[in-house]
Amino acid sequence: MDDVLFSLKNVTKRFPGVLALNGVSIEVCKGEIHGLVGENGAGKSTLIKTVTGAYSPDEGEIHFNGKKLEHITPHHSMSIGIACIYQELNQVPHMTVYENIYLGREEISNKILGLTKIALMREESEKILGTLGLKIDPNIEVGTLGVGKQQMVEIARAVRANAKMIIMDEPTASLSSRETKELLDIIKFLKTQGVAVIFISHRLDEIMAVTERITVMRDGLVVDTVNTKDVTMDDIVKLMVGRDITHKYPKVKAKIGNEMLRAEGLTRKGVMENISFSVREGEVLGFAGLVGAGRTETMRALTGVDPLDAGKIFVDGREIHIKNPQDSINAGIAFLTEDRKGQGLILIQDVEFNSTLVNLKHYVSGLLLNLKKCKSDAESMVNELRTRTPSINQLVGNLSGGNQQKVVISKWLLTKSKVFIFDEPTRGIDVGAKVEVYNLINKLTSQGAAVIMISSEMDECMGMADRIIVMYEGRITAELSGSDITQENIMYAASGLPSTERTTA
């Protein structure tokens, strides 16, 4: 093909105990939107890092823009026109938005003195953010933004680089539906400019909507490359997992029991106002809303991560005073955070250590630690969640993003808590693993636990929740149940429209 921009030819990459890439061959054409899908651990992340120079292939060839690449480094890959937006954010939190957008590609006014064209970079950054529909001050620190907006800053940096090929690894995982639409429109625009995009997503509807071809990986191998117009979503799922996924949301109604947790008037100035809700035994309470609505902030305050200005919290009918996360753990509340790397895991420790850390006191007898029980429970969780790891002794930092998420889930499942708060539990997890997480939620509710699930995927909330709380700008705008749980009602409430307008719309 004369218009081939990028290709891998029989690329293999090995790690101790793992064959991450096994003779992988892929071609991407100029101006093509090429989907890359596969379960967690299929080899997608390793492929990206090999293309961008973070890893060196053990065998095979990489070609880009008509040239064979050898001894490629991350800096070299950027300089020749390959940009990458990683699944995990790659930013400097204490630097400003415009500094991050220009990071490594600063506009220099005086090389000797190291002076930069600050005004120009600010102005251009504001223009780029504007094309993404974002009202973000380019002068504020990136670390002060939420995860969704930080992701959009990553995208702005890639757009600004004028790359010939942009690799996007789960770019919409933290975005609202509006931001996602804007991003997909930008991808289509890039195509018209001759830019190739490798689009990696577990959201197969997005893959089907924007790509021309899709490469499916499984266990380090390329299973097939297909024309998007010739296949269905079910065809892709079968190629990915090697089996049928018959029920996307296998919700099992559990017996609803006594009230397990109640929050009254939770308030934190400038963040949330008068938040009141309850959740019962056997119930899944969904929290819906756009990015920045205050859902995560509410749960952080509820569990003692952030301070409360006012409000009361009751667990199992008894008022409790939560001043720090340990208080919430002692009260039987488990909080699975959205940011698994920054808040959920210790990356330099292994799977066993991370899985048993929160529950450590239950493995202690006198002065002795029951290592056999720690090992047994960690291995049990690996098997139950189908976590892809060579062993429980593997460092968590070496696992793929989705498998890291499974270790976070393992950690809290072992605490035997009464209330489980899942903040974006399936973010960055493939379709097969999502079903496993949903089944685990079913198992928890069948055992009498109460589950609160924050999800930016509306169909996920609708598919798994018994009731849904909708938030907008730090306040509750709707509580929906039964036949009132519709996409229209959720979207109106998430947009802050009053109930009278929802009724007449």
Protein backbone atom coordinates (compact mmCIF):
# COMPACT_ATOMS: atom_id res chain seq x y z
CA MET A 1 0.00 0.00 0.00
CA ASP A 2 1.52 3.30 -1.15
CA ASP A 3 -0.21 5.35 1.55
CA VAL A 4 1.10 3.31 4.51
CA LEU A 5 2.46 5.71 7.12
CA PHE A 6 3.33 3.31 9.92
CA SER A 7 3.91 -0.42 10.23
CA LEU A 8 5.05 -3.07 12.67
CA LYS A 9 6.48 -6.23 11.15
CA ASN A 10 6.68 -9.35 13.32
CA VAL A 11 7.47 -7.37 16.49
CA THR A 12 8.10 -9.43 19.63
CA LYS A 13 8.67 -8.15 23.17
CA ARG A 14 9.46 -10.33 26.19
CA PHE A 15 9.50 -9.63 29.91
CA PRO A 16 10.43 -12.11 32.68
CA GLY A 17 7.69 -14.72 32.61
CA VAL A 18 5.61 -12.84 30.01
CA LEU A 19 5.52 -12.83 26.20
CA ALA A 20 3.89 -9.40 25.87
CA LEU A 21 4.03 -9.13 22.07
CA ASN A 22 4.26 -12.22 19.89
CA GLY A 23 5.11 -11.48 16.26
CA VAL A 24 2.77 -8.49 15.96
CA SER A 25 2.23 -6.94 12.52
CA ILE A 26 0.08 -3.84 11.92
CA GLU A 27 -0.22 -1.22 9.15
CA VAL A 28 -1.71 2.27 9.52
CA CYS A 29 -2.29 4.53 6.52
CA LYS A 30 -2.01 8.30 6.24
CA GLY A 31 -5.21 9.98 7.41
CA GLU A 32 -6.61 6.70 8.73
CA ILE A 33 -8.45 6.34 12.04
CA HIS A 34 -7.35 2.86 13.11
CA GLY A 35 -8.93 1.18 16.12
CA LEU A 36 -6.90 -1.04 18.45
CA VAL A 37 -8.85 -3.19 20.88
CA GLY A 38 -8.28 -6.12 23.20
CA GLU A 39 -8.79 -7.24 26.76
CA ASN A 40 -6.52 -5.91 29.50
CA GLY A 41 -3.19 -7.69 29.21
CA ALA A 42 -3.66 -8.29 25.47
CA GLY A 43 -0.51 -6.28 24.72
CA LYS A 44 -1.91 -2.89 23.69
CA SER A 45 0.07 -0.84 26.23
CA THR A 46 3.28 -2.72 25.44
CA LEU A 47 2.71 -2.04 21.74
CA ILE A 48 2.31 1.69 22.41
CA LYS A 49 5.47 1.87 24.51
CA THR A 50 7.39 -0.02 21.83
CA VAL A 51 6.22 2.36 19.11
CA THR A 52 7.11 5.45 21.18
CA GLY A 53 10.54 4.18 22.25
CA ALA A 54 9.85 3.44 25.90
CA TYR A 55 10.58 -0.23 25.13
CA SER A 56 12.91 -1.73 22.53
CA PRO A 57 11.55 -4.70 20.55
CA ASP A 58 13.38 -7.98 20.95
CA GLU A 59 12.55 -8.92 17.36
CA GLY A 60 10.89 -7.36 14.32
CA GLU A 61 10.89 -4.01 12.54
CA ILE A 62 9.16 -0.63 12.93
CA HIS A 63 8.68 1.61 9.90
CA PHE A 64 7.37 5.18 9.91
CA ASN A 65 6.93 7.63 7.05
CA GLY A 66 8.99 5.49 4.69
CA LYS A 67 11.92 4.89 7.04
CA LYS A 68 12.92 1.97 9.24
CA LEU A 69 13.25 3.08 12.86
CA GLU A 70 16.13 1.73 14.90
CA HIS A 71 17.08 2.44 18.51
CA ILE A 72 14.07 4.73 18.83
CA THR A 73 13.69 6.85 21.96
CA PRO A 74 10.64 8.78 23.25
CA HIS A 75 12.26 12.07 22.20
CA HIS A 76 13.06 10.70 18.76
CA SER A 77 9.52 9.42 18.22
CA MET A 78 8.11 12.86 19.08
CA SER A 79 10.58 14.63 16.80
CA ILE A 80 9.59 12.56 13.74
CA GLY A 81 5.86 13.15 14.28
CA ILE A 82 4.53 10.46 16.61
CA ALA A 83 2.47 11.80 19.52
CA CYS A 84 0.90 9.71 22.25
CA ILE A 85 -1.81 10.37 24.81
CA TYR A 86 -1.36 7.68 27.43
CA GLN A 87 -4.16 6.09 29.46
CA GLU A 88 -2.45 7.32 32.63
CA LEU A 89 -1.93 11.08 32.65
CA ASN A 90 1.56 12.24 31.76
CA GLN A 91 1.76 15.77 33.10
CA VAL A 92 3.61 17.96 35.59
CA PRO A 93 0.90 18.87 38.17
CA HIS A 94 2.61 21.97 39.61
CA MET A 95 3.14 23.52 36.15
CA THR A 96 0.50 25.60 34.39
CA VAL A 97 -1.80 24.40 31.64
CA TYR A 98 0.10 26.29 28.92
CA GLU A 99 3.46 25.04 30.23
CA ASN A 100 2.19 21.46 30.00
CA ILE A 101 0.82 21.99 26.51
CA TYR A 102 4.26 23.27 25.38
CA LEU A 103 6.28 20.88 27.56
CA GLY A 104 9.42 19.89 25.66
CA ARG A 105 8.47 22.13 22.73
CA GLU A 106 8.69 25.59 24.30
CA GLU A 107 8.81 28.72 22.17
CA ILE A 108 12.25 30.24 22.93
CA SER A 109 12.96 33.97 22.74
CA ASN A 110 16.57 33.81 24.02
CA LYS A 111 18.44 30.50 24.00
CA ILE A 112 21.38 31.83 26.00
CA LEU A 113 19.23 33.11 28.86
CA GLY A 114 16.66 30.37 28.46
CA LEU A 115 13.79 32.83 28.05
CA THR A 116 10.49 31.68 26.58
CA LYS A 117 7.73 33.47 24.69
CA ILE A 118 5.24 33.26 27.52
CA ALA A 119 2.58 35.53 26.02
CA LEU A 120 2.60 33.60 22.73
CA MET A 121 2.36 30.23 24.46
CA ARG A 122 -0.53 31.44 26.63
CA GLU A 123 -2.39 32.83 23.63
CA GLU A 124 -1.90 29.73 21.48
CA SER A 125 -2.83 27.43 24.37
CA GLU A 126 -6.08 29.31 24.86
CA LYS A 127 -6.87 28.91 21.15
CA ILE A 128 -6.20 25.16 21.24
CA LEU A 129 -8.32 24.68 24.36
CA GLY A 130 -11.05 26.66 22.63
CA THR A 131 -11.10 24.22 19.72
CA LEU A 132 -11.79 21.49 22.28
CA GLY A 133 -14.66 23.48 23.73
CA LEU A 134 -12.90 23.94 27.06
CA LYS A 135 -13.02 27.04 29.19
CA ILE A 136 -9.79 26.39 31.06
CA ASP A 137 -7.50 29.19 32.19
CA PRO A 138 -4.10 28.39 30.62
CA ASN A 139 -2.40 30.05 33.61
CA ILE A 140 -3.69 27.72 36.35
CA GLU A 141 -1.79 24.67 37.58
CA VAL A 142 -2.79 21.40 35.92
CA GLY A 143 -2.88 19.66 39.31
CA THR A 144 -5.86 21.78 40.35
CA LEU A 145 -8.02 20.38 37.52
CA GLY A 146 -10.16 17.27 37.70
CA VAL A 147 -9.08 14.09 35.91
CA GLY A 148 -11.34 14.75 32.92
CA LYS A 149 -9.98 18.22 32.25
CA GLN A 150 -6.40 17.06 32.79
CA GLN A 151 -7.02 14.46 30.06
CA MET A 152 -8.20 17.19 27.72
CA VAL A 153 -4.99 19.16 28.38
CA GLU A 154 -3.09 16.03 27.26
CA ILE A 155 -5.12 16.03 24.07
CA ALA A 156 -4.45 19.75 23.55
CA ARG A 157 -0.71 19.09 23.81
CA ALA A 158 -0.92 16.38 21.14
CA VAL A 159 -3.03 18.58 18.86
CA ARG A 160 -0.53 21.44 19.26
CA ALA A 161 2.39 19.17 18.26
CA ASN A 162 1.05 18.84 14.67
CA ALA A 163 1.97 15.17 14.66
CA LYS A 164 1.68 12.92 11.61
CA MET A 165 0.31 10.14 13.81
CA ILE A 166 -1.39 10.42 17.20
CA ILE A 167 -1.88 7.40 19.43
CA MET A 168 -4.81 7.85 21.82
CA ASP A 169 -4.99 5.33 24.66
CA GLU A 170 -8.44 5.47 26.27
CA PRO A 171 -8.70 9.24 25.71
CA THR A 172 -12.42 9.39 26.56
CA ALA A 173 -12.31 7.28 29.74
CA SER A 174 -12.68 10.32 32.01
CA LEU A 175 -14.69 12.55 29.71
CA SER A 176 -18.34 13.53 29.81
CA SER A 177 -20.58 12.70 26.85
CA ARG A 178 -20.24 16.28 25.57
CA GLU A 179 -16.45 16.23 25.85
CA THR A 180 -16.37 12.82 24.18
CA LYS A 181 -18.38 14.08 21.21
CA GLU A 182 -16.03 17.05 20.87
CA LEU A 183 -13.00 14.76 20.92
CA LEU A 184 -14.46 12.43 18.29
CA ASP A 185 -15.18 15.45 16.11
CA ILE A 186 -11.56 16.56 16.53
CA ILE A 187 -10.35 13.09 15.52
CA LYS A 188 -12.45 13.30 12.36
CA PHE A 189 -10.97 16.75 11.67
CA LEU A 190 -7.44 15.38 12.09
CA LYS A 191 -8.24 12.79 9.44
CA THR A 192 -9.11 15.54 6.95
CA GLN A 193 -5.66 17.02 7.61
CA GLY A 194 -3.96 13.72 6.71
CA VAL A 195 -3.10 12.85 10.32
CA ALA A 196 -3.32 9.16 11.25
CA VAL A 197 -4.91 8.25 14.59
CA ILE A 198 -4.53 4.96 16.43
CA PHE A 199 -7.58 4.98 18.67
CA ILE A 200 -7.56 2.61 21.63
CA SER A 201 -10.77 2.31 23.63
CA HIS A 202 -12.83 -0.22 25.55
CA ARG A 203 -15.89 1.77 24.49
CA LEU A 204 -16.65 -0.19 21.36
CA ASP A 205 -19.43 2.16 20.26
CA GLU A 206 -16.78 4.87 19.86
CA ILE A 207 -14.50 2.48 17.98
CA MET A 208 -17.33 1.56 15.61
CA ALA A 209 -18.31 5.23 15.15
CA VAL A 210 -14.98 6.75 14.10
CA THR A 211 -12.62 4.06 12.79
CA GLU A 212 -12.13 2.67 9.31
CA ARG A 213 -10.25 -0.47 10.35
CA ILE A 214 -9.89 -2.28 13.66
CA THR A 215 -7.02 -4.45 14.85
CA VAL A 216 -7.95 -6.92 17.58
CA MET A 217 -5.31 -8.25 19.99
CA ARG A 218 -5.44 -11.13 22.45
CA ASP A 219 -2.63 -12.57 24.59
CA GLY A 220 0.09 -10.60 22.78
CA LEU A 221 -1.10 -11.67 19.32
CA VAL A 222 -2.96 -9.88 16.55
CA VAL A 223 -6.14 -11.94 16.14
CA ASP A 224 -7.39 -10.05 13.09
CA THR A 225 -7.56 -6.68 11.33
CA VAL A 226 -11.02 -5.97 9.92
CA ASN A 227 -12.83 -3.22 8.03
CA THR A 228 -15.15 -1.54 10.50
CA LYS A 229 -18.05 -1.39 8.04
CA ASP A 230 -17.91 -5.16 7.59
CA VAL A 231 -18.32 -6.18 11.25
CA THR A 232 -20.67 -5.70 14.19
CA MET A 233 -19.82 -4.88 17.78
CA ASP A 234 -20.61 -8.47 18.72
CA ASP A 235 -18.09 -9.69 16.14
CA ILE A 236 -15.39 -7.52 17.76
CA VAL A 237 -16.26 -8.75 21.26
CA LYS A 238 -16.00 -12.38 20.15
CA LEU A 239 -12.57 -11.71 18.60
CA MET A 240 -11.40 -9.92 21.75
CA VAL A 241 -12.45 -12.42 24.39
CA GLY A 242 -12.72 -15.63 22.41
CA ARG A 243 -16.22 -16.17 23.82
CA ASP A 244 -19.70 -14.67 23.71
CA ILE A 245 -20.70 -11.94 26.17
CA THR A 246 -24.45 -12.44 26.14
CA HIS A 247 -25.42 -9.93 28.83
CA LYS A 248 -23.68 -6.57 28.84
CA TYR A 249 -25.16 -5.57 32.20
CA PRO A 250 -25.99 -8.79 34.10
CA LYS A 251 -27.92 -7.02 36.85
CA VAL A 252 -29.32 -9.38 39.49
CA LYS A 253 -31.97 -7.90 41.76
CA ALA A 254 -31.07 -8.56 45.38
CA LYS A 255 -33.35 -8.42 48.41
CA ILE A 256 -33.40 -4.83 49.65
CA GLY A 257 -32.94 -4.74 53.42
CA ASN A 258 -32.34 -2.16 56.13
CA GLU A 259 -30.77 1.22 55.58
CA MET A 260 -27.01 0.75 55.65
CA LEU A 261 -25.74 4.31 55.13
CA ARG A 262 -27.39 7.72 55.30
CA ALA A 263 -25.89 11.14 54.62
CA GLU A 264 -27.66 14.30 55.75
CA GLY A 265 -26.81 17.79 54.54
CA LEU A 266 -23.20 17.14 53.49
CA THR A 267 -21.74 20.53 52.66
CA ARG A 268 -18.32 21.80 51.69
CA LYS A 269 -18.18 25.43 50.67
CA GLY A 270 -17.62 25.91 46.96
CA VAL A 271 -17.71 22.17 46.28
CA MET A 272 -21.09 20.70 47.31
CA GLU A 273 -24.19 21.88 49.09
CA ASN A 274 -26.72 20.05 51.27
CA ILE A 275 -26.17 16.54 49.86
CA SER A 276 -28.55 14.01 51.42
CA PHE A 277 -29.08 10.40 50.38
CA SER A 278 -29.30 6.86 51.71
CA VAL A 279 -28.49 3.37 50.49
CA ARG A 280 -29.84 0.06 51.78
CA GLU A 281 -28.64 -3.52 52.11
CA GLY A 282 -28.66 -5.26 48.73
CA GLU A 283 -29.06 -2.01 46.81
CA VAL A 284 -26.93 -0.40 44.10
CA LEU A 285 -27.24 3.39 44.26
CA GLY A 286 -25.91 5.04 41.12
CA PHE A 287 -24.45 8.55 41.02
CA ALA A 288 -24.70 10.17 37.59
CA GLY A 289 -23.68 13.60 36.32
CA LEU A 290 -21.21 15.34 34.07
CA VAL A 291 -17.50 15.62 34.86
CA GLY A 292 -17.11 18.19 37.62
CA ALA A 293 -20.63 17.72 39.04
CA GLY A 294 -19.24 16.95 42.50
CA ARG A 295 -19.86 13.20 42.72
CA THR A 296 -16.28 12.20 43.54
CA GLU A 297 -15.87 15.21 45.84
CA THR A 298 -18.96 14.10 47.79
CA MET A 299 -17.53 10.63 48.34
CA ARG A 300 -14.11 11.99 49.28
CA ALA A 301 -15.73 14.12 51.98
CA LEU A 302 -17.96 11.26 53.09
CA THR A 303 -14.93 9.01 53.64
CA GLY A 304 -12.74 11.59 55.38
CA VAL A 305 -10.36 12.31 52.52
CA ASP A 306 -11.56 15.93 52.37
CA PRO A 307 -13.05 17.97 55.24
CA LEU A 308 -16.77 18.69 55.65
CA ASP A 309 -18.16 22.06 56.71
CA ALA A 310 -21.47 20.52 57.75
CA GLY A 311 -23.46 17.30 57.62
CA LYS A 312 -24.14 14.04 59.41
CA ILE A 313 -23.27 10.45 58.45
CA PHE A 314 -25.06 7.34 59.74
CA VAL A 315 -23.92 3.73 59.24
CA ASP A 316 -26.32 0.94 60.17
CA GLY A 317 -28.49 3.45 62.03
CA ARG A 318 -25.70 4.88 64.17
CA GLU A 319 -24.20 8.34 63.67
CA ILE A 320 -20.47 8.20 63.10
CA HIS A 321 -17.88 10.95 62.97
CA ILE A 322 -15.42 10.56 60.11
CA LYS A 323 -12.37 12.78 60.35
CA ASN A 324 -9.99 10.72 58.20
CA PRO A 325 -10.06 7.71 55.84
CA GLN A 326 -9.20 5.26 58.63
CA ASP A 327 -12.40 6.26 60.44
CA SER A 328 -14.45 5.33 57.36
CA ILE A 329 -12.61 2.01 56.98
CA ASN A 330 -13.28 1.22 60.64
CA ALA A 331 -16.95 2.04 60.07
CA GLY A 332 -17.12 -0.51 57.25
CA ILE A 333 -16.99 1.85 54.26
CA ALA A 334 -14.78 0.91 51.31
CA PHE A 335 -13.85 3.63 48.77
CA LEU A 336 -12.47 2.46 45.43
CA THR A 337 -11.01 5.67 44.03
CA GLU A 338 -11.07 6.70 40.38
CA ASP A 339 -7.32 7.51 40.37
CA ARG A 340 -5.89 4.04 40.89
CA LYS A 341 -2.23 5.03 40.40
CA GLY A 342 -2.21 8.15 42.53
CA GLN A 343 -4.54 7.05 45.33
CA GLY A 344 -5.38 3.36 45.02
CA LEU A 345 -2.07 1.51 44.77
CA ILE A 346 1.56 1.39 45.83
CA LEU A 347 3.14 0.75 42.44
CA ILE A 348 6.55 -0.35 43.76
CA GLN A 349 4.96 -3.16 45.78
CA ASP A 350 3.63 -6.47 44.49
CA VAL A 351 0.09 -7.76 43.92
CA GLU A 352 -0.03 -9.63 47.24
CA PHE A 353 1.06 -6.59 49.28
CA ASN A 354 -1.45 -4.26 47.60
CA SER A 355 -4.30 -6.77 47.82
CA THR A 356 -3.93 -7.35 51.56
CA LEU A 357 -2.69 -3.93 52.74
CA VAL A 358 -5.97 -2.38 53.91
CA ASN A 359 -7.03 -5.63 55.59
CA LEU A 360 -3.64 -6.22 57.23
CA LYS A 361 -4.92 -6.25 60.81
CA HIS A 362 -6.98 -9.35 60.03
CA TYR A 363 -3.81 -11.28 59.17
CA VAL A 364 -2.06 -10.45 62.44
CA SER A 365 -2.12 -12.79 65.42
CA GLY A 366 -0.19 -11.38 68.35
CA LEU A 367 3.13 -10.30 66.91
CA LEU A 368 2.96 -12.65 63.92
CA LEU A 369 1.69 -12.04 60.42
CA ASN A 370 -0.09 -14.98 58.77
CA LEU A 371 1.78 -14.92 55.46
CA LYS A 372 0.12 -18.11 54.29
CA LYS A 373 -3.32 -16.53 54.62
CA CYS A 374 -2.12 -13.33 52.87
CA LYS A 375 -0.87 -15.39 49.96
CA SER A 376 -4.02 -17.51 49.81
CA ASP A 377 -6.36 -14.51 49.78
CA ALA A 378 -4.30 -12.63 47.18
CA GLU A 379 -4.25 -15.67 44.89
CA SER A 380 -7.99 -16.15 45.40
CA MET A 381 -8.63 -12.57 44.27
CA VAL A 382 -6.37 -12.97 41.22
CA ASN A 383 -8.36 -16.05 40.19
CA GLU A 384 -11.77 -14.55 40.93
CA LEU A 385 -11.10 -11.34 39.00
CA ARG A 386 -9.02 -13.07 36.32
CA THR A 387 -6.19 -10.61 36.93
CA ARG A 388 -3.47 -11.11 34.34
CA THR A 389 -0.19 -11.32 36.22
CA PRO A 390 2.65 -13.87 36.16
CA SER A 391 2.22 -14.26 39.93
CA ILE A 392 1.13 -12.39 43.05
CA ASN A 393 4.79 -11.39 43.43
CA GLN A 394 4.66 -9.20 40.31
CA LEU A 395 5.07 -5.46 40.98
CA VAL A 396 1.74 -3.70 40.43
CA GLY A 397 3.52 -0.97 38.44
CA ASN A 398 4.33 -3.58 35.78
CA LEU A 399 0.69 -4.54 35.21
CA SER A 400 -1.57 -3.06 32.56
CA GLY A 401 -3.98 -0.32 33.63
CA GLY A 402 -7.01 -2.58 33.75
CA ASN A 403 -5.24 -5.21 35.81
CA GLN A 404 -4.11 -2.52 38.24
CA GLN A 405 -7.78 -1.62 38.62
CA LYS A 406 -8.54 -5.25 39.46
CA VAL A 407 -5.94 -5.19 42.25
CA VAL A 408 -7.64 -2.08 43.69
CA ILE A 409 -10.94 -3.95 43.67
CA SER A 410 -9.28 -6.98 45.31
CA LYS A 411 -7.95 -4.81 48.13
CA TRP A 412 -11.40 -3.64 49.14
CA LEU A 413 -13.23 -6.92 48.56
CA LEU A 414 -10.98 -8.49 51.20
CA THR A 415 -12.06 -5.94 53.83
CA LYS A 416 -15.57 -7.43 54.08
CA SER A 417 -16.98 -3.90 54.32
CA LYS A 418 -20.69 -3.08 54.66
CA VAL A 419 -20.74 -0.23 52.13
CA PHE A 420 -18.75 -0.23 48.90
CA ILE A 421 -18.24 3.03 46.98
CA PHE A 422 -17.09 2.33 43.42
CA ASP A 423 -15.84 5.49 41.66
CA GLU A 424 -15.72 4.70 37.92
CA PRO A 425 -15.13 0.98 38.61
CA THR A 426 -14.83 -0.02 34.96
CA ARG A 427 -12.76 2.91 33.71
CA GLY A 428 -10.09 1.49 31.39
CA ILE A 429 -11.37 -2.07 31.73
CA ASP A 430 -12.25 -4.24 28.73
CA VAL A 431 -15.74 -5.57 28.02
CA GLY A 432 -15.08 -9.04 29.41
CA ALA A 433 -13.63 -7.70 32.66
CA LYS A 434 -16.53 -5.25 32.99
CA VAL A 435 -18.97 -8.14 33.16
CA GLU A 436 -16.81 -9.71 35.88
CA VAL A 437 -16.94 -6.46 37.90
CA TYR A 438 -20.72 -6.29 37.49
CA ASN A 439 -21.02 -9.89 38.69
CA LEU A 440 -18.89 -9.00 41.72
CA ILE A 441 -21.26 -6.13 42.49
CA ASN A 442 -24.14 -8.62 42.21
CA LYS A 443 -22.32 -10.92 44.61
CA LEU A 444 -21.80 -8.12 47.13
CA THR A 445 -25.46 -7.07 47.09
CA SER A 446 -26.63 -10.69 47.33
CA GLN A 447 -24.56 -10.92 50.53
CA GLY A 448 -26.29 -7.85 51.95
CA ALA A 449 -23.71 -5.17 51.18
CA ALA A 450 -24.77 -1.72 49.99
CA VAL A 451 -23.09 -0.40 46.84
CA ILE A 452 -22.70 3.19 45.66
CA MET A 453 -21.51 3.39 42.05
CA ILE A 454 -20.29 6.59 40.41
CA SER A 455 -20.25 6.21 36.65
CA SER A 456 -19.90 8.61 33.74
CA GLU A 457 -21.31 5.93 31.42
CA MET A 458 -25.05 6.50 31.47
CA ASP A 459 -25.99 3.05 30.19
CA GLU A 460 -23.80 1.46 32.87
CA CYS A 461 -25.61 3.42 35.58
CA MET A 462 -28.99 2.52 34.11
CA GLY A 463 -28.02 -1.12 33.66
CA MET A 464 -26.74 -1.76 37.19
CA ALA A 465 -28.36 0.73 39.60
CA ASP A 466 -31.63 0.28 41.50
CA ARG A 467 -31.86 4.04 42.06
CA ILE A 468 -29.89 6.91 40.55
CA ILE A 469 -28.88 10.20 42.16
CA VAL A 470 -28.04 12.91 39.60
CA MET A 471 -25.75 15.80 40.51
CA TYR A 472 -25.03 19.16 38.89
CA GLU A 473 -22.54 21.75 40.15
CA GLY A 474 -22.30 20.31 43.65
CA ARG A 475 -25.96 19.68 44.33
CA ILE A 476 -28.49 16.91 43.79
CA THR A 477 -30.89 17.69 40.94
CA ALA A 478 -32.80 14.40 40.76
CA GLU A 479 -33.36 11.04 42.43
CA LEU A 480 -34.70 8.49 39.97
CA SER A 481 -36.05 4.98 40.34
CA GLY A 482 -38.15 2.48 38.38
CA SER A 483 -39.64 3.79 35.15
CA ASP A 484 -38.26 7.28 35.84
CA ILE A 485 -34.74 6.03 35.07
CA THR A 486 -34.44 7.16 31.46
CA GLN A 487 -31.62 8.73 29.45
CA GLU A 488 -33.73 11.85 28.96
CA ASN A 489 -34.40 12.35 32.69
CA ILE A 490 -30.75 11.76 33.60
CA MET A 491 -29.43 14.17 30.96
CA TYR A 492 -31.86 16.94 31.88
CA ALA A 493 -30.95 16.62 35.56
CA ALA A 494 -27.23 16.40 34.77
CA SER A 495 -27.55 19.63 32.80
CA GLY A 496 -29.11 21.42 35.77
CA LEU A 497 -32.55 21.98 34.21
CA PRO A 498 -35.40 22.27 36.72
CA SER A 499 -38.01 19.52 36.96
CA THR A 500 -40.69 21.67 35.26
CA GLU A 501 -38.55 21.94 32.12
CA ARG A 502 -37.82 18.21 32.18
CA THR A 503 -41.54 17.51 32.29
CA THR A 504 -42.37 19.67 29.30
CA ALA A 505 -39.30 18.86 27.20
